[in-house]
Amino acid sequence: MSSRSSPGLLAVQIVFGSAVVFFLLAPIVVILPLAFNSSVFLNYPIETFSSRWFNELQTNASRFTLPDTCPNSRSEIYFCM
């Protein structure tokens, strides 16, 4: 057996790999700018850029933290981080 792949198979692998990477990264590229939107609703085009949501996260950080201790119950152990 030869260890070399045929050129056609290599092209298919490259196209398939590129498509997978595109479909994984495209949503991040589309959603990330919405974090800097000053509007309450997520919409394009972005009218004004702001750090409103980051300020909100910083001022209300206690609402977004995980609990320090986990319960000892076996049924709830799977939800403990």
Protein backbone atom coordinates (compact mmCIF):
# COMPACT_ATOMS: atom_id res chain seq x y z
CA MET A 1 0.00 0.00 0.00
CA SER A 2 1.15 3.46 -0.75
CA SER A 3 1.27 6.02 2.04
CA ARG A 4 0.42 8.83 -0.38
CA SER A 5 -3.13 10.08 -0.83
CA SER A 6 -4.50 10.76 -4.26
CA PRO A 7 -4.71 14.44 -5.23
CA GLY A 8 -8.51 14.19 -5.47
CA LEU A 9 -8.80 12.84 -1.92
CA LEU A 10 -6.47 15.54 -0.62
CA ALA A 11 -8.62 18.23 -2.28
CA VAL A 12 -11.78 16.78 -0.71
CA GLN A 13 -10.10 16.72 2.72
CA ILE A 14 -9.01 20.34 2.36
CA VAL A 15 -12.48 21.48 1.26
CA PHE A 16 -14.20 19.52 4.04
CA GLY A 17 -11.73 20.77 6.69
CA SER A 18 -12.15 24.35 5.51
CA ALA A 19 -15.95 24.02 5.65
CA VAL A 20 -15.81 22.67 9.21
CA VAL A 21 -13.56 25.51 10.36
CA PHE A 22 -15.78 28.07 8.62
CA PHE A 23 -18.97 26.75 10.25
CA LEU A 24 -17.31 26.76 13.66
CA LEU A 25 -15.85 30.27 13.42
CA ALA A 26 -18.57 32.10 11.44
CA PRO A 27 -21.05 32.33 14.36
CA ILE A 28 -18.33 33.76 16.61
CA VAL A 29 -17.46 36.40 14.02
CA VAL A 30 -21.14 37.32 13.61
CA ILE A 31 -22.06 37.38 17.33
CA LEU A 32 -18.94 38.97 18.86
CA PRO A 33 -19.59 42.51 17.53
CA LEU A 34 -23.06 42.42 19.12
CA ALA A 35 -21.37 42.49 22.53
CA PHE A 36 -20.43 46.11 21.78
CA ASN A 37 -23.96 47.13 20.78
CA SER A 38 -25.59 49.74 23.00
CA SER A 39 -29.11 48.59 22.11
CA VAL A 40 -31.18 46.22 24.25
CA PHE A 41 -32.00 44.19 21.14
CA LEU A 42 -29.43 42.30 19.09
CA ASN A 43 -29.63 43.82 15.65
CA TYR A 44 -27.50 44.76 12.68
CA PRO A 45 -26.37 47.30 11.63
CA ILE A 46 -24.93 48.44 14.91
CA GLU A 47 -25.84 52.09 15.39
CA THR A 48 -23.55 52.96 18.29
CA PHE A 49 -20.73 51.06 19.90
CA SER A 50 -20.45 50.92 23.67
CA SER A 51 -19.17 48.79 26.51
CA ARG A 52 -22.57 48.83 28.24
CA TRP A 53 -22.85 45.06 28.63
CA PHE A 54 -19.32 44.72 29.99
CA ASN A 55 -20.02 47.46 32.56
CA GLU A 56 -23.24 45.69 33.47
CA LEU A 57 -21.36 42.43 33.95
CA GLN A 58 -18.76 44.13 36.13
CA THR A 59 -21.29 45.88 38.38
CA ASN A 60 -23.45 42.76 38.80
CA ALA A 61 -20.61 40.23 38.97
CA SER A 62 -22.05 38.53 42.05
CA ARG A 63 -25.05 37.37 40.01
CA PHE A 64 -22.80 35.52 37.56
CA THR A 65 -20.48 33.62 39.88
CA LEU A 66 -20.63 29.92 40.64
CA PRO A 67 -21.31 28.79 44.21
CA ASP A 68 -18.24 28.09 46.34
CA THR A 69 -19.44 24.77 47.70
CA CYS A 70 -21.23 21.84 46.18
CA PRO A 71 -23.98 19.85 47.85
CA ASN A 72 -23.11 16.43 49.21
CA SER A 73 -26.11 14.74 47.62
CA ARG A 74 -25.19 12.14 45.02
CA SER A 75 -28.04 13.19 42.73
CA GLU A 76 -26.68 16.73 42.49
CA ILE A 77 -22.99 15.90 42.19
CA TYR A 78 -23.18 15.87 38.38
CA PHE A 79 -24.18 19.52 38.30
CA CYS A 80 -21.32 20.62 40.54
CA MET A 81 -18.31 22.23 38.92
